[in-house]
PDB file of N, CA and C in Angstrom:
ATOM      1  N   UNK A   1     -15.411  -2.905  -9.610  1.00  0.00           N
ATOM      2  CA  UNK A   1     -14.687  -1.693  -9.337  1.00  0.00           C
ATOM      3  C   UNK A   1     -13.200  -2.000  -9.405  1.00  0.00           C
ATOM      4  N   UNK A   2     -12.451  -1.175 -10.067  1.00  0.00           N
ATOM      5  CA  UNK A   2     -11.014  -1.341 -10.200  1.00  0.00           C
ATOM      6  C   UNK A   2     -10.303  -0.550  -9.112  1.00  0.00           C
ATOM      7  N   UNK A   3      -9.167  -1.072  -8.703  1.00  0.00           N
ATOM      8  CA  UNK A   3      -8.338  -0.379  -7.727  1.00  0.00           C
ATOM      9  C   UNK A   3      -7.034  -0.011  -8.405  1.00  0.00           C
ATOM     10  N   UNK A   4      -6.599   1.198  -8.184  1.00  0.00           N
ATOM     11  CA  UNK A   4      -5.344   1.654  -8.761  1.00  0.00           C
ATOM     12  C   UNK A   4      -4.446   2.130  -7.633  1.00  0.00           C
ATOM     13  N   UNK A   5      -3.252   1.575  -7.571  1.00  0.00           N
ATOM     14  CA  UNK A   5      -2.282   1.965  -6.556  1.00  0.00           C
ATOM     15  C   UNK A   5      -1.216   2.820  -7.224  1.00  0.00           C
ATOM     16  N   UNK A   6      -0.956   3.972  -6.644  1.00  0.00           N
ATOM     17  CA  UNK A   6       0.035   4.892  -7.191  1.00  0.00           C
ATOM     18  C   UNK A   6       1.162   5.033  -6.176  1.00  0.00           C
ATOM     19  N   UNK A   7       2.387   4.841  -6.643  1.00  0.00           N
ATOM     20  CA  UNK A   7       3.552   5.026  -5.794  1.00  0.00           C
ATOM     21  C   UNK A   7       4.255   6.300  -6.227  1.00  0.00           C
ATOM     22  N   UNK A   8       4.432   7.204  -5.293  1.00  0.00           N
ATOM     23  CA  UNK A   8       5.122   8.458  -5.584  1.00  0.00           C
ATOM     24  C   UNK A   8       6.447   8.458  -4.847  1.00  0.00           C
ATOM     25  N   UNK A   9       7.514   8.760  -5.575  1.00  0.00           N
ATOM     26  CA  UNK A   9       8.823   8.863  -4.949  1.00  0.00           C
ATOM     27  C   UNK A   9       8.999  10.264  -4.384  1.00  0.00           C
ATOM     28  N   UNK A  10       9.556  10.334  -3.180  1.00  0.00           N
ATOM     29  CA  UNK A  10       9.854  11.607  -2.544  1.00  0.00           C
ATOM     30  C   UNK A  10      11.355  11.708  -2.380  1.00  0.00           C
ATOM     31  N   UNK A  11      11.920  12.829  -2.774  1.00  0.00           N
ATOM     32  CA  UNK A  11      13.358  13.049  -2.661  1.00  0.00           C
ATOM     33  C   UNK A  11      13.758  12.962  -1.191  1.00  0.00           C
ATOM     34  N   UNK A  12      14.715  12.083  -0.900  1.00  0.00           N
ATOM     35  CA  UNK A  12      15.133  11.877   0.484  1.00  0.00           C
ATOM     36  C   UNK A  12      15.939  13.045   1.043  1.00  0.00           C
ATOM     37  N   UNK A  13      16.418  13.941   0.186  1.00  0.00           N
ATOM     38  CA  UNK A  13      17.170  15.100   0.672  1.00  0.00           C
ATOM     39  C   UNK A  13      16.297  16.320   0.913  1.00  0.00           C
ATOM     40  N   UNK A  14      15.443  16.653  -0.054  1.00  0.00           N
ATOM     41  CA  UNK A  14      14.691  17.905   0.078  1.00  0.00           C
ATOM     42  C   UNK A  14      13.181  17.725   0.226  1.00  0.00           C
ATOM     43  N   UNK A  15      12.693  16.489   0.189  1.00  0.00           N
ATOM     44  CA  UNK A  15      11.277  16.241   0.404  1.00  0.00           C
ATOM     45  C   UNK A  15      10.377  16.477  -0.792  1.00  0.00           C
ATOM     46  N   UNK A  16      10.927  16.953  -1.897  1.00  0.00           N
ATOM     47  CA  UNK A  16      10.136  17.178  -3.102  1.00  0.00           C
ATOM     48  C   UNK A  16       9.952  15.894  -3.892  1.00  0.00           C
ATOM     49  N   UNK A  17       9.322  15.993  -5.065  1.00  0.00           N
ATOM     50  CA  UNK A  17       9.138  14.805  -5.902  1.00  0.00           C
ATOM     51  C   UNK A  17      10.489  14.269  -6.396  1.00  0.00           C
ATOM     52  N   UNK A  18      10.605  12.964  -6.446  1.00  0.00           N
ATOM     53  CA  UNK A  18      11.837  12.326  -6.922  1.00  0.00           C
ATOM     54  C   UNK A  18      11.531  11.550  -8.194  1.00  0.00           C
ATOM     55  N   UNK A  19      12.526  11.456  -9.061  1.00  0.00           N
ATOM     56  CA  UNK A  19      12.374  10.708 -10.304  1.00  0.00           C
ATOM     57  C   UNK A  19      13.310   9.502 -10.382  1.00  0.00           C
ATOM     58  N   UNK A  20      14.263   9.418  -9.464  1.00  0.00           N
ATOM     59  CA  UNK A  20      15.290   8.376  -9.562  1.00  0.00           C
ATOM     60  C   UNK A  20      15.508   7.697  -8.209  1.00  0.00           C
ATOM     61  N   UNK A  21      15.724   6.396  -8.255  1.00  0.00           N
ATOM     62  CA  UNK A  21      16.191   5.657  -7.084  1.00  0.00           C
ATOM     63  C   UNK A  21      17.624   5.261  -7.392  1.00  0.00           C
ATOM     64  N   UNK A  22      18.551   5.727  -6.572  1.00  0.00           N
ATOM     65  CA  UNK A  22      19.974   5.476  -6.794  1.00  0.00           C
ATOM     66  C   UNK A  22      20.453   4.495  -5.732  1.00  0.00           C
ATOM     67  N   UNK A  23      21.121   3.457  -6.177  1.00  0.00           N
ATOM     68  CA  UNK A  23      21.670   2.447  -5.273  1.00  0.00           C
ATOM     69  C   UNK A  23      23.186   2.540  -5.346  1.00  0.00           C
ATOM     70  N   UNK A  24      23.829   2.562  -4.178  1.00  0.00           N
ATOM     71  CA  UNK A  24      25.285   2.596  -4.149  1.00  0.00           C
ATOM     72  C   UNK A  24      25.772   1.846  -2.919  1.00  0.00           C
ATOM     73  N   UNK A  25      27.060   1.533  -2.927  1.00  0.00           N
ATOM     74  CA  UNK A  25      27.640   0.764  -1.839  1.00  0.00           C
ATOM     75  C   UNK A  25      28.843   1.508  -1.294  1.00  0.00           C
ATOM     76  N   UNK A  26      28.999   1.459   0.020  1.00  0.00           N
ATOM     77  CA  UNK A  26      30.138   2.093   0.669  1.00  0.00           C
ATOM     78  C   UNK A  26      30.543   1.226   1.849  1.00  0.00           C
ATOM     79  N   UNK A  27      31.778   0.738   1.813  1.00  0.00           N
ATOM     80  CA  UNK A  27      32.318  -0.101   2.882  1.00  0.00           C
ATOM     81  C   UNK A  27      31.374  -1.244   3.267  1.00  0.00           C
ATOM     82  N   UNK A  28      31.030  -2.072   2.302  1.00  0.00           N
ATOM     83  CA  UNK A  28      30.224  -3.286   2.493  1.00  0.00           C
ATOM     84  C   UNK A  28      28.776  -3.045   2.901  1.00  0.00           C
ATOM     85  N   UNK A  29      28.297  -1.810   2.809  1.00  0.00           N
ATOM     86  CA  UNK A  29      26.900  -1.508   3.085  1.00  0.00           C
ATOM     87  C   UNK A  29      26.272  -0.973   1.811  1.00  0.00           C
ATOM     88  N   UNK A  30      25.126  -1.534   1.431  1.00  0.00           N
ATOM     89  CA  UNK A  30      24.427  -1.085   0.231  1.00  0.00           C
ATOM     90  C   UNK A  30      23.363  -0.084   0.651  1.00  0.00           C
ATOM     91  N   UNK A  31      23.355   1.059  -0.023  1.00  0.00           N
ATOM     92  CA  UNK A  31      22.394   2.123   0.259  1.00  0.00           C
ATOM     93  C   UNK A  31      21.495   2.328  -0.951  1.00  0.00           C
ATOM     94  N   UNK A  32      20.307   2.851  -0.703  1.00  0.00           N
ATOM     95  CA  UNK A  32      19.375   3.208  -1.763  1.00  0.00           C
ATOM     96  C   UNK A  32      18.749   4.536  -1.362  1.00  0.00           C
ATOM     97  N   UNK A  33      18.728   5.479  -2.302  1.00  0.00           N
ATOM     98  CA  UNK A  33      18.194   6.805  -2.015  1.00  0.00           C
ATOM     99  C   UNK A  33      17.356   7.275  -3.197  1.00  0.00           C
ATOM    100  N   UNK A  34      16.227   7.910  -2.906  1.00  0.00           N
ATOM    101  CA  UNK A  34      15.357   8.467  -3.944  1.00  0.00           C
ATOM    102  C   UNK A  34      15.709   9.939  -4.108  1.00  0.00           C
ATOM    103  N   UNK A  35      15.973  10.341  -5.352  1.00  0.00           N
ATOM    104  CA  UNK A  35      16.424  11.708  -5.620  1.00  0.00           C
ATOM    105  C   UNK A  35      15.734  12.287  -6.841  1.00  0.00           C
ATOM    106  N   UNK A  36      15.634  13.626  -6.863  1.00  0.00           N
ATOM    107  CA  UNK A  36      15.187  14.291  -8.086  1.00  0.00           C
ATOM    108  C   UNK A  36      16.386  14.392  -9.022  1.00  0.00           C
ATOM    109  N   UNK A  37      16.174  14.879 -10.230  1.00  0.00           N
ATOM    110  CA  UNK A  37      17.249  14.925 -11.228  1.00  0.00           C
ATOM    111  C   UNK A  37      18.433  15.752 -10.752  1.00  0.00           C
ATOM    112  N   UNK A  38      18.174  16.919 -10.167  1.00  0.00           N
ATOM    113  CA  UNK A  38      19.270  17.800  -9.735  1.00  0.00           C
ATOM    114  C   UNK A  38      20.105  17.144  -8.632  1.00  0.00           C
ATOM    115  N   UNK A  39      19.455  16.543  -7.647  1.00  0.00           N
ATOM    116  CA  UNK A  39      20.201  15.902  -6.556  1.00  0.00           C
ATOM    117  C   UNK A  39      20.931  14.650  -7.031  1.00  0.00           C
ATOM    118  N   UNK A  40      20.323  13.914  -7.966  1.00  0.00           N
ATOM    119  CA  UNK A  40      20.999  12.747  -8.546  1.00  0.00           C
ATOM    120  C   UNK A  40      22.248  13.189  -9.286  1.00  0.00           C
ATOM    121  N   UNK A  41      22.116  14.235 -10.103  1.00  0.00           N
ATOM    122  CA  UNK A  41      23.272  14.752 -10.837  1.00  0.00           C
ATOM    123  C   UNK A  41      24.365  15.220  -9.878  1.00  0.00           C
ATOM    124  N   UNK A  42      23.969  15.870  -8.767  1.00  0.00           N
ATOM    125  CA  UNK A  42      24.951  16.340  -7.783  1.00  0.00           C
ATOM    126  C   UNK A  42      25.687  15.159  -7.146  1.00  0.00           C
ATOM    127  N   UNK A  43      24.949  14.085  -6.828  1.00  0.00           N
ATOM    128  CA  UNK A  43      25.577  12.899  -6.250  1.00  0.00           C
ATOM    129  C   UNK A  43      26.551  12.266  -7.237  1.00  0.00           C
ATOM    130  N   UNK A  44      26.114  12.106  -8.487  1.00  0.00           N
ATOM    131  CA  UNK A  44      26.987  11.499  -9.500  1.00  0.00           C
ATOM    132  C   UNK A  44      28.220  12.353  -9.760  1.00  0.00           C
ATOM    133  N   UNK A  45      28.048  13.669  -9.766  1.00  0.00           N
ATOM    134  CA  UNK A  45      29.183  14.579  -9.972  1.00  0.00           C
ATOM    135  C   UNK A  45      30.169  14.467  -8.812  1.00  0.00           C
ATOM    136  N   UNK A  46      29.652  14.394  -7.586  1.00  0.00           N
ATOM    137  CA  UNK A  46      30.526  14.284  -6.416  1.00  0.00           C
ATOM    138  C   UNK A  46      31.290  12.961  -6.400  1.00  0.00           C
ATOM    139  N   UNK A  47      30.648  11.893  -6.852  1.00  0.00           N
ATOM    140  CA  UNK A  47      31.288  10.575  -6.832  1.00  0.00           C
ATOM    141  C   UNK A  47      32.160  10.299  -8.056  1.00  0.00           C
ATOM    142  N   UNK A  48      31.995  11.069  -9.119  1.00  0.00           N
ATOM    143  CA  UNK A  48      32.684  10.809 -10.389  1.00  0.00           C
ATOM    144  C   UNK A  48      34.195  10.660 -10.248  1.00  0.00           C
ATOM    145  N   UNK A  49      34.917  11.562  -9.546  1.00  0.00           N
ATOM    146  CA  UNK A  49      36.369  11.390  -9.458  1.00  0.00           C
ATOM    147  C   UNK A  49      36.767  10.110  -8.715  1.00  0.00           C
ATOM    148  N   UNK A  50      35.985   9.732  -7.714  1.00  0.00           N
ATOM    149  CA  UNK A  50      36.289   8.512  -6.966  1.00  0.00           C
ATOM    150  C   UNK A  50      35.994   7.278  -7.815  1.00  0.00           C
ATOM    151  N   UNK A  51      34.889   7.304  -8.548  1.00  0.00           N
ATOM    152  CA  UNK A  51      34.531   6.182  -9.416  1.00  0.00           C
ATOM    153  C   UNK A  51      35.554   6.015 -10.530  1.00  0.00           C
ATOM    154  N   UNK A  52      36.060   7.136 -11.055  1.00  0.00           N
ATOM    155  CA  UNK A  52      37.044   7.074 -12.138  1.00  0.00           C
ATOM    156  C   UNK A  52      38.350   6.441 -11.668  1.00  0.00           C
ATOM    157  N   UNK A  53      38.712   6.646 -10.414  1.00  0.00           N
ATOM    158  CA  UNK A  53      39.969   6.116  -9.891  1.00  0.00           C
ATOM    159  C   UNK A  53      39.817   4.718  -9.286  1.00  0.00           C
ATOM    160  N   UNK A  54      38.592   4.269  -9.100  1.00  0.00           N
ATOM    161  CA  UNK A  54      38.343   2.995  -8.410  1.00  0.00           C
ATOM    162  C   UNK A  54      38.383   1.811  -9.366  1.00  0.00           C
ATOM    163  N   UNK A  55      38.486   0.618  -8.790  1.00  0.00           N
ATOM    164  CA  UNK A  55      38.382  -0.629  -9.546  1.00  0.00           C
ATOM    165  C   UNK A  55      36.944  -1.095  -9.466  1.00  0.00           C
ATOM    166  N   UNK A  56      36.406  -1.560 -10.571  1.00  0.00           N
ATOM    167  CA  UNK A  56      35.037  -2.076 -10.583  1.00  0.00           C
ATOM    168  C   UNK A  56      35.050  -3.526 -10.108  1.00  0.00           C
ATOM    169  N   UNK A  57      34.135  -3.866  -9.227  1.00  0.00           N
ATOM    170  CA  UNK A  57      34.036  -5.217  -8.691  1.00  0.00           C
ATOM    171  C   UNK A  57      32.865  -5.900  -9.368  1.00  0.00           C
ATOM    172  N   UNK A  58      33.119  -7.028  -9.988  1.00  0.00           N
ATOM    173  CA  UNK A  58      32.058  -7.784 -10.657  1.00  0.00           C
ATOM    174  C   UNK A  58      31.449  -8.775  -9.674  1.00  0.00           C
ATOM    175  N   UNK A  59      30.180  -9.077  -9.867  1.00  0.00           N
ATOM    176  CA  UNK A  59      29.534 -10.111  -9.072  1.00  0.00           C
ATOM    177  C   UNK A  59      28.894  -9.615  -7.797  1.00  0.00           C
ATOM    178  N   UNK A  60      28.946  -8.336  -7.536  1.00  0.00           N
ATOM    179  CA  UNK A  60      28.276  -7.792  -6.354  1.00  0.00           C
ATOM    180  C   UNK A  60      29.094  -7.921  -5.090  1.00  0.00           C
ATOM    181  N   UNK A  61      28.681  -7.197  -4.084  1.00  0.00           N
ATOM    182  CA  UNK A  61      29.383  -7.197  -2.815  1.00  0.00           C
ATOM    183  C   UNK A  61      28.689  -8.049  -1.761  1.00  0.00           C
ATOM    184  N   UNK A  62      27.459  -8.408  -2.013  1.00  0.00           N
ATOM    185  CA  UNK A  62      26.703  -9.167  -1.026  1.00  0.00           C
ATOM    186  C   UNK A  62      26.820 -10.651  -1.332  1.00  0.00           C
ATOM    187  N   UNK A  63      27.246 -11.407  -0.338  1.00  0.00           N
ATOM    188  CA  UNK A  63      27.345 -12.853  -0.519  1.00  0.00           C
ATOM    189  C   UNK A  63      26.008 -13.497  -0.171  1.00  0.00           C
ATOM    190  N   UNK A  64      25.656 -14.569  -0.861  1.00  0.00           N
ATOM    191  CA  UNK A  64      24.383 -15.218  -0.556  1.00  0.00           C
ATOM    192  C   UNK A  64      24.378 -15.799   0.852  1.00  0.00           C
ATOM    193  N   UNK A  65      23.209 -15.877   1.427  1.00  0.00           N
ATOM    194  CA  UNK A  65      23.071 -16.447   2.765  1.00  0.00           C
ATOM    195  C   UNK A  65      23.426 -17.928   2.722  1.00  0.00           C
ATOM    196  N   UNK A  66      24.053 -18.389   3.759  1.00  0.00           N
ATOM    197  CA  UNK A  66      24.415 -19.792   3.850  1.00  0.00           C
ATOM    198  C   UNK A  66      23.210 -20.590   4.336  1.00  0.00           C
ATOM    199  N   UNK A  67      22.930 -21.655   3.639  1.00  0.00           N
ATOM    200  CA  UNK A  67      21.827 -22.526   4.036  1.00  0.00           C
ATOM    201  C   UNK A  67      22.422 -23.733   4.739  1.00  0.00           C
ATOM    202  N   UNK A  68      21.969 -23.952   5.946  1.00  0.00           N
ATOM    203  CA  UNK A  68      22.482 -25.071   6.722  1.00  0.00           C
ATOM    204  C   UNK A  68      21.581 -26.272   6.482  1.00  0.00           C
ATOM    205  N   UNK A  69      22.171 -27.323   5.913  1.00  0.00           N
ATOM    206  CA  UNK A  69      21.392 -28.534   5.669  1.00  0.00           C
ATOM    207  C   UNK A  69      21.498 -29.433   6.887  1.00  0.00           C
ATOM    208  N   UNK A  70      20.370 -29.859   7.387  1.00  0.00           N
ATOM    209  CA  UNK A  70      20.344 -30.736   8.546  1.00  0.00           C
ATOM    210  C   UNK A  70      19.520 -31.969   8.235  1.00  0.00           C
ATOM    211  N   UNK A  71      19.922 -33.059   8.825  1.00  0.00           N
ATOM    212  CA  UNK A  71      19.138 -34.275   8.718  1.00  0.00           C
ATOM    213  C   UNK A  71      17.939 -34.117   9.641  1.00  0.00           C
ATOM    214  N   UNK A  72      16.745 -34.401   9.155  1.00  0.00           N
ATOM    215  CA  UNK A  72      15.573 -34.267  10.019  1.00  0.00           C
ATOM    216  C   UNK A  72      15.651 -35.214  11.216  1.00  0.00           C
ATOM    217  N   UNK A  73      15.090 -34.770  12.325  1.00  0.00           N
ATOM    218  CA  UNK A  73      15.054 -35.624  13.516  1.00  0.00           C
ATOM    219  C   UNK A  73      13.619 -36.068  13.762  1.00  0.00           C
ATOM    220  N   UNK A  74      13.490 -37.213  14.408  1.00  0.00           N
ATOM    221  CA  UNK A  74      12.169 -37.729  14.758  1.00  0.00           C
ATOM    222  C   UNK A  74      11.693 -36.988  16.009  1.00  0.00           C
ATOM    223  N   UNK A  75      10.620 -36.213  15.918  1.00  0.00           N
ATOM    224  CA  UNK A  75      10.152 -35.443  17.071  1.00  0.00           C
ATOM    225  C   UNK A  75       9.837 -36.321  18.286  1.00  0.00           C
ATOM    226  N   UNK A  76       9.330 -37.543  18.034  1.00  0.00           N
ATOM    227  CA  UNK A  76       9.026 -38.443  19.157  1.00  0.00           C
ATOM    228  C   UNK A  76      10.299 -38.820  19.907  1.00  0.00           C
ATOM    229  N   UNK A  77      11.361 -39.095  19.153  1.00  0.00           N
ATOM    230  CA  UNK A  77      12.635 -39.457  19.782  1.00  0.00           C
ATOM    231  C   UNK A  77      13.192 -38.281  20.583  1.00  0.00           C
ATOM    232  N   UNK A  78      13.068 -37.074  20.039  1.00  0.00           N
ATOM    233  CA  UNK A  78      13.555 -35.885  20.747  1.00  0.00           C
ATOM    234  C   UNK A  78      12.755 -35.684  22.032  1.00  0.00           C
ATOM    235  N   UNK A  79      11.433 -35.839  21.954  1.00  0.00           N
ATOM    236  CA  UNK A  79      10.580 -35.666  23.141  1.00  0.00           C
ATOM    237  C   UNK A  79      10.936 -36.687  24.231  1.00  0.00           C
ATOM    238  N   UNK A  80      11.105 -37.958  23.829  1.00  0.00           N
ATOM    239  CA  UNK A  80      11.471 -38.992  24.804  1.00  0.00           C
ATOM    240  C   UNK A  80      12.818 -38.684  25.436  1.00  0.00           C
ATOM    241  N   UNK A  81      13.781 -38.289  24.608  1.00  0.00           N
ATOM    242  CA  UNK A  81      15.111 -37.949  25.106  1.00  0.00           C
ATOM    243  C   UNK A  81      15.023 -36.782  26.088  1.00  0.00           C
ATOM    244  N   UNK A  82      14.272 -35.743  25.735  1.00  0.00           N
ATOM    245  CA  UNK A  82      14.150 -34.561  26.594  1.00  0.00           C
ATOM    246  C   UNK A  82      13.486 -34.922  27.920  1.00  0.00           C
ATOM    247  N   UNK A  83      12.411 -35.689  27.865  1.00  0.00           N
ATOM    248  CA  UNK A  83      11.704 -36.076  29.102  1.00  0.00           C
ATOM    249  C   UNK A  83      12.609 -36.905  30.015  1.00  0.00           C
ATOM    250  N   UNK A  84      13.415 -37.800  29.429  1.00  0.00           N
ATOM    251  CA  UNK A  84      14.301 -38.648  30.238  1.00  0.00           C
ATOM    252  C   UNK A  84      15.390 -37.837  30.937  1.00  0.00           C
ATOM    253  N   UNK A  85      15.615 -36.618  30.475  1.00  0.00           N
ATOM    254  CA  UNK A  85      16.619 -35.741  31.078  1.00  0.00           C
ATOM    255  C   UNK A  85      15.995 -34.597  31.872  1.00  0.00           C
ATOM    256  N   UNK A  86      14.681 -34.651  32.042  1.00  0.00           N
ATOM    257  CA  UNK A  86      13.998 -33.639  32.836  1.00  0.00           C
ATOM    258  C   UNK A  86      13.830 -32.298  32.144  1.00  0.00           C
ATOM    259  N   UNK A  87      13.950 -32.289  30.827  1.00  0.00           N
ATOM    260  CA  UNK A  87      13.776 -31.050  30.063  1.00  0.00           C
ATOM    261  C   UNK A  87      12.296 -30.880  29.762  1.00  0.00           C
ATOM    262  N   UNK A  88      11.744 -29.730  30.148  1.00  0.00           N
ATOM    263  CA  UNK A  88      10.327 -29.451  29.880  1.00  0.00           C
ATOM    264  C   UNK A  88      10.133 -29.236  28.386  1.00  0.00           C
ATOM    265  N   UNK A  89       9.146 -29.927  27.844  1.00  0.00           N
ATOM    266  CA  UNK A  89       8.900 -29.846  26.405  1.00  0.00           C
ATOM    267  C   UNK A  89       7.397 -29.915  26.164  1.00  0.00           C
ATOM    268  N   UNK A  90       6.865 -29.099  25.251  1.00  0.00           N
ATOM    269  CA  UNK A  90       5.426 -29.143  24.988  1.00  0.00           C
ATOM    270  C   UNK A  90       5.026 -30.487  24.372  1.00  0.00           C
ATOM    271  N   UNK A  91       3.867 -31.013  24.753  1.00  0.00           N
ATOM    272  CA  UNK A  91       3.472 -32.337  24.262  1.00  0.00           C
ATOM    273  C   UNK A  91       3.068 -32.379  22.792  1.00  0.00           C
ATOM    274  N   UNK A  92       2.609 -31.267  22.217  1.00  0.00           N
ATOM    275  CA  UNK A  92       2.086 -31.339  20.854  1.00  0.00           C
ATOM    276  C   UNK A  92       2.699 -30.349  19.870  1.00  0.00           C
ATOM    277  N   UNK A  93       3.097 -29.197  20.298  1.00  0.00           N
ATOM    278  CA  UNK A  93       3.575 -28.193  19.343  1.00  0.00           C
ATOM    279  C   UNK A  93       4.984 -28.531  18.863  1.00  0.00           C
ATOM    280  N   UNK A  94       5.534 -27.666  18.052  1.00  0.00           N
ATOM    281  CA  UNK A  94       6.862 -27.880  17.495  1.00  0.00           C
ATOM    282  C   UNK A  94       7.899 -27.990  18.616  1.00  0.00           C
ATOM    283  N   UNK A  95       8.854 -28.895  18.425  1.00  0.00           N
ATOM    284  CA  UNK A  95       9.923 -29.075  19.405  1.00  0.00           C
ATOM    285  C   UNK A  95      10.819 -27.836  19.341  1.00  0.00           C
ATOM    286  N   UNK A  96      11.093 -27.193  20.478  1.00  0.00           N
ATOM    287  CA  UNK A  96      11.929 -25.987  20.468  1.00  0.00           C
ATOM    288  C   UNK A  96      13.306 -26.249  19.863  1.00  0.00           C
ATOM    289  N   UNK A  97      13.800 -25.283  19.136  1.00  0.00           N
ATOM    290  CA  UNK A  97      15.088 -25.386  18.436  1.00  0.00           C
ATOM    291  C   UNK A  97      16.217 -25.753  19.398  1.00  0.00           C
ATOM    292  N   UNK A  98      16.226 -25.117  20.580  1.00  0.00           N
ATOM    293  CA  UNK A  98      17.332 -25.400  21.505  1.00  0.00           C
ATOM    294  C   UNK A  98      17.309 -26.843  22.002  1.00  0.00           C
ATOM    295  N   UNK A  99      16.128 -27.450  22.090  1.00  0.00           N
ATOM    296  CA  UNK A  99      16.031 -28.859  22.497  1.00  0.00           C
ATOM    297  C   UNK A  99      16.550 -29.755  21.374  1.00  0.00           C
ATOM    298  N   UNK A 100      16.189 -29.435  20.133  1.00  0.00           N
ATOM    299  CA  UNK A 100      16.695 -30.209  18.988  1.00  0.00           C
ATOM    300  C   UNK A 100      18.214 -30.083  18.910  1.00  0.00           C
ATOM    301  N   UNK A 101      18.740 -28.866  19.111  1.00  0.00           N
ATOM    302  CA  UNK A 101      20.196 -28.663  19.078  1.00  0.00           C
ATOM    303  C   UNK A 101      20.889 -29.481  20.169  1.00  0.00           C
ATOM    304  N   UNK A 102      20.319 -29.493  21.379  1.00  0.00           N
ATOM    305  CA  UNK A 102      20.899 -30.277  22.476  1.00  0.00           C
ATOM    306  C   UNK A 102      20.854 -31.770  22.147  1.00  0.00           C
ATOM    307  N   UNK A 103      19.765 -32.222  21.541  1.00  0.00           N
ATOM    308  CA  UNK A 103      19.612 -33.614  21.118  1.00  0.00           C
ATOM    309  C   UNK A 103      20.725 -33.985  20.131  1.00  0.00           C
ATOM    310  N   UNK A 104      20.957 -33.113  19.160  1.00  0.00           N
ATOM    311  CA  UNK A 104      22.016 -33.361  18.170  1.00  0.00           C
ATOM    312  C   UNK A 104      23.401 -33.358  18.821  1.00  0.00           C
ATOM    313  N   UNK A 105      23.636 -32.383  19.714  1.00  0.00           N
ATOM    314  CA  UNK A 105      24.942 -32.296  20.377  1.00  0.00           C
ATOM    315  C   UNK A 105      25.221 -33.524  21.237  1.00  0.00           C
ATOM    316  N   UNK A 106      24.152 -34.148  21.733  1.00  0.00           N
ATOM    317  CA  UNK A 106      24.311 -35.361  22.540  1.00  0.00           C
ATOM    318  C   UNK A 106      24.642 -36.576  21.670  1.00  0.00           C
ATOM    319  N   UNK A 107      24.623 -36.384  20.361  1.00  0.00           N
ATOM    320  CA  UNK A 107      25.022 -37.455  19.458  1.00  0.00           C
ATOM    321  C   UNK A 107      23.900 -38.307  18.920  1.00  0.00           C
ATOM    322  N   UNK A 108      22.691 -37.847  19.033  1.00  0.00           N
ATOM    323  CA  UNK A 108      21.552 -38.619  18.529  1.00  0.00           C
ATOM    324  C   UNK A 108      21.173 -38.189  17.141  1.00  0.00           C
TER     325      UNK A 108
END
């Protein structure tokens, strides 16, 4: 038996069927709205004078997320360190992030 999934766009303004998904940005926030042809045309017409006077920005407005590279720590060493300082730590599960951070801040 085959399964068929159908996605229907609904106009976010009037609730009717939509044919277009419009993405735009305003003051560092990216928006996406589903519109029918008439509402899309109305949006583009309203924005046209502003777009004509604006500068186009290349490369997008969203900066990539920063990835923090960390040197792995030995969980056994962290557990021993935590126990020696009276910090409660689970014996087998993952070492809590705040305990690892405290271990690093202590210079280990």
